[in-house]
Amino acid sequence: MVMGEQLDPQQGSPPVNLSQAKEIIDILSMLEGKTRGNLNPEEQAMLDDMLYALRMKYVDLASPPGGPGTRQGTKSS
């Protein structure tokens, strides 16, 4: 939600709050480290996948438009 994801089509998109998003990702990363070896394979895979998706979304939102990693920022030969 803090990265602007619209949960209900009837409502507008919530505002983006990157500092809060980073804090949540950091907390989930800490949780992943503290629970390593204590989760079953499905739980570990879900946590890994969720963290990957959140990190990629964060990088996408934090990158300037047309910067590295975007299609607009790539040079054509």
C-alpha atoms as a PDB file:
ATOM      1  CA  MET A   1       0.000   0.000   0.000  1.00  0.00           C
ATOM      2  CA  VAL A   2       2.768   2.480   0.804  1.00  0.00           C
ATOM      3  CA  MET A   3       4.154   1.965  -2.705  1.00  0.00           C
ATOM      4  CA  GLY A   4       0.929   3.157  -4.342  1.00  0.00           C
ATOM      5  CA  GLU A   5      -0.722  -0.210  -5.004  1.00  0.00           C
ATOM      6  CA  GLN A   6      -4.461   0.152  -5.472  1.00  0.00           C
ATOM      7  CA  LEU A   7      -6.193  -2.518  -3.376  1.00  0.00           C
ATOM      8  CA  ASP A   8      -9.774  -1.540  -4.162  1.00  0.00           C
ATOM      9  CA  PRO A   9     -10.695  -0.357  -7.677  1.00  0.00           C
ATOM     10  CA  GLN A  10     -13.451   1.790  -6.147  1.00  0.00           C
ATOM     11  CA  GLN A  11     -10.883   3.877  -4.268  1.00  0.00           C
ATOM     12  CA  GLY A  12      -8.048   5.982  -5.576  1.00  0.00           C
ATOM     13  CA  SER A  13      -4.432   4.934  -5.380  1.00  0.00           C
ATOM     14  CA  PRO A  14      -2.833   5.646  -1.997  1.00  0.00           C
ATOM     15  CA  PRO A  15       0.117   8.051  -1.934  1.00  0.00           C
ATOM     16  CA  VAL A  16       3.619   6.610  -2.335  1.00  0.00           C
ATOM     17  CA  ASN A  17       5.743   6.733   0.831  1.00  0.00           C
ATOM     18  CA  LEU A  18       9.189   5.330  -0.039  1.00  0.00           C
ATOM     19  CA  SER A  19      10.701   5.864   3.412  1.00  0.00           C
ATOM     20  CA  GLN A  20       7.936   3.808   5.024  1.00  0.00           C
ATOM     21  CA  ALA A  21       8.227   1.172   2.278  1.00  0.00           C
ATOM     22  CA  LYS A  22      11.980   0.864   2.929  1.00  0.00           C
ATOM     23  CA  GLU A  23      11.336   0.478   6.650  1.00  0.00           C
ATOM     24  CA  ILE A  24       8.821  -2.328   6.051  1.00  0.00           C
ATOM     25  CA  ILE A  25      11.206  -4.094   3.642  1.00  0.00           C
ATOM     26  CA  ASP A  26      14.012  -3.797   6.218  1.00  0.00           C
ATOM     27  CA  ILE A  27      11.776  -5.281   8.932  1.00  0.00           C
ATOM     28  CA  LEU A  28      10.797  -8.188   6.672  1.00  0.00           C
ATOM     29  CA  SER A  29      14.486  -8.732   5.840  1.00  0.00           C
ATOM     30  CA  MET A  30      15.310  -8.858   9.536  1.00  0.00           C
ATOM     31  CA  LEU A  31      12.465 -11.332  10.083  1.00  0.00           C
ATOM     32  CA  GLU A  32      13.790 -13.462   7.223  1.00  0.00           C
ATOM     33  CA  GLY A  33      17.235 -13.550   8.824  1.00  0.00           C
ATOM     34  CA  LYS A  34      15.915 -14.366  12.285  1.00  0.00           C
ATOM     35  CA  THR A  35      13.677 -17.189  11.042  1.00  0.00           C
ATOM     36  CA  ARG A  36      16.212 -18.745   8.646  1.00  0.00           C
ATOM     37  CA  GLY A  37      16.275 -22.498   9.231  1.00  0.00           C
ATOM     38  CA  ASN A  38      13.025 -22.441  11.214  1.00  0.00           C
ATOM     39  CA  LEU A  39      10.556 -22.127   8.346  1.00  0.00           C
ATOM     40  CA  ASN A  40       9.244 -24.925   6.195  1.00  0.00           C
ATOM     41  CA  PRO A  41      10.194 -24.749   2.480  1.00  0.00           C
ATOM     42  CA  GLU A  42       6.851 -23.215   1.443  1.00  0.00           C
ATOM     43  CA  GLU A  43       7.078 -20.476   4.082  1.00  0.00           C
ATOM     44  CA  GLN A  44      10.688 -19.708   3.147  1.00  0.00           C
ATOM     45  CA  ALA A  45       9.831 -19.562  -0.559  1.00  0.00           C
ATOM     46  CA  MET A  46       6.888 -17.235   0.101  1.00  0.00           C
ATOM     47  CA  LEU A  47       9.026 -14.902   2.208  1.00  0.00           C
ATOM     48  CA  ASP A  48      11.852 -14.917  -0.364  1.00  0.00           C
ATOM     49  CA  ASP A  49       9.450 -14.237  -3.247  1.00  0.00           C
ATOM     50  CA  MET A  50       7.678 -11.472  -1.344  1.00  0.00           C
ATOM     51  CA  LEU A  51      10.932  -9.749  -0.411  1.00  0.00           C
ATOM     52  CA  TYR A  52      12.198  -9.979  -3.987  1.00  0.00           C
ATOM     53  CA  ALA A  53       8.990  -8.481  -5.392  1.00  0.00           C
ATOM     54  CA  LEU A  54       8.944  -5.683  -2.812  1.00  0.00           C
ATOM     55  CA  ARG A  55      12.605  -4.837  -3.410  1.00  0.00           C
ATOM     56  CA  MET A  56      12.138  -4.718  -7.175  1.00  0.00           C
ATOM     57  CA  LYS A  57       9.049  -2.515  -6.839  1.00  0.00           C
ATOM     58  CA  TYR A  58      10.954  -0.215  -4.462  1.00  0.00           C
ATOM     59  CA  VAL A  59      13.910   0.088  -6.853  1.00  0.00           C
ATOM     60  CA  ASP A  60      11.532   0.802  -9.727  1.00  0.00           C
ATOM     61  CA  LEU A  61       9.773   3.565  -7.777  1.00  0.00           C
ATOM     62  CA  ALA A  62      12.983   5.035  -6.325  1.00  0.00           C
ATOM     63  CA  SER A  63      14.761   5.209  -9.699  1.00  0.00           C
ATOM     64  CA  PRO A  64      14.384   8.450 -11.639  1.00  0.00           C
ATOM     65  CA  PRO A  65      12.215   8.206 -14.772  1.00  0.00           C
ATOM     66  CA  GLY A  66      14.311   7.188 -17.765  1.00  0.00           C
ATOM     67  CA  GLY A  67      17.193   6.119 -15.507  1.00  0.00           C
ATOM     68  CA  PRO A  68      19.073   2.827 -15.491  1.00  0.00           C
ATOM     69  CA  GLY A  69      16.850  -0.229 -15.487  1.00  0.00           C
ATOM     70  CA  THR A  70      14.022   1.367 -17.459  1.00  0.00           C
ATOM     71  CA  ARG A  71      13.237   0.971 -21.103  1.00  0.00           C
ATOM     72  CA  GLN A  72      13.458   4.714 -21.684  1.00  0.00           C
ATOM     73  CA  GLY A  73      17.019   4.743 -20.314  1.00  0.00           C
ATOM     74  CA  THR A  74      18.378   2.104 -22.684  1.00  0.00           C
ATOM     75  CA  LYS A  75      20.321   3.214 -25.707  1.00  0.00           C
ATOM     76  CA  SER A  76      19.564   1.751 -29.095  1.00  0.00           C
ATOM     77  CA  SER A  77      22.468   0.828 -31.353  1.00  0.00           C
END
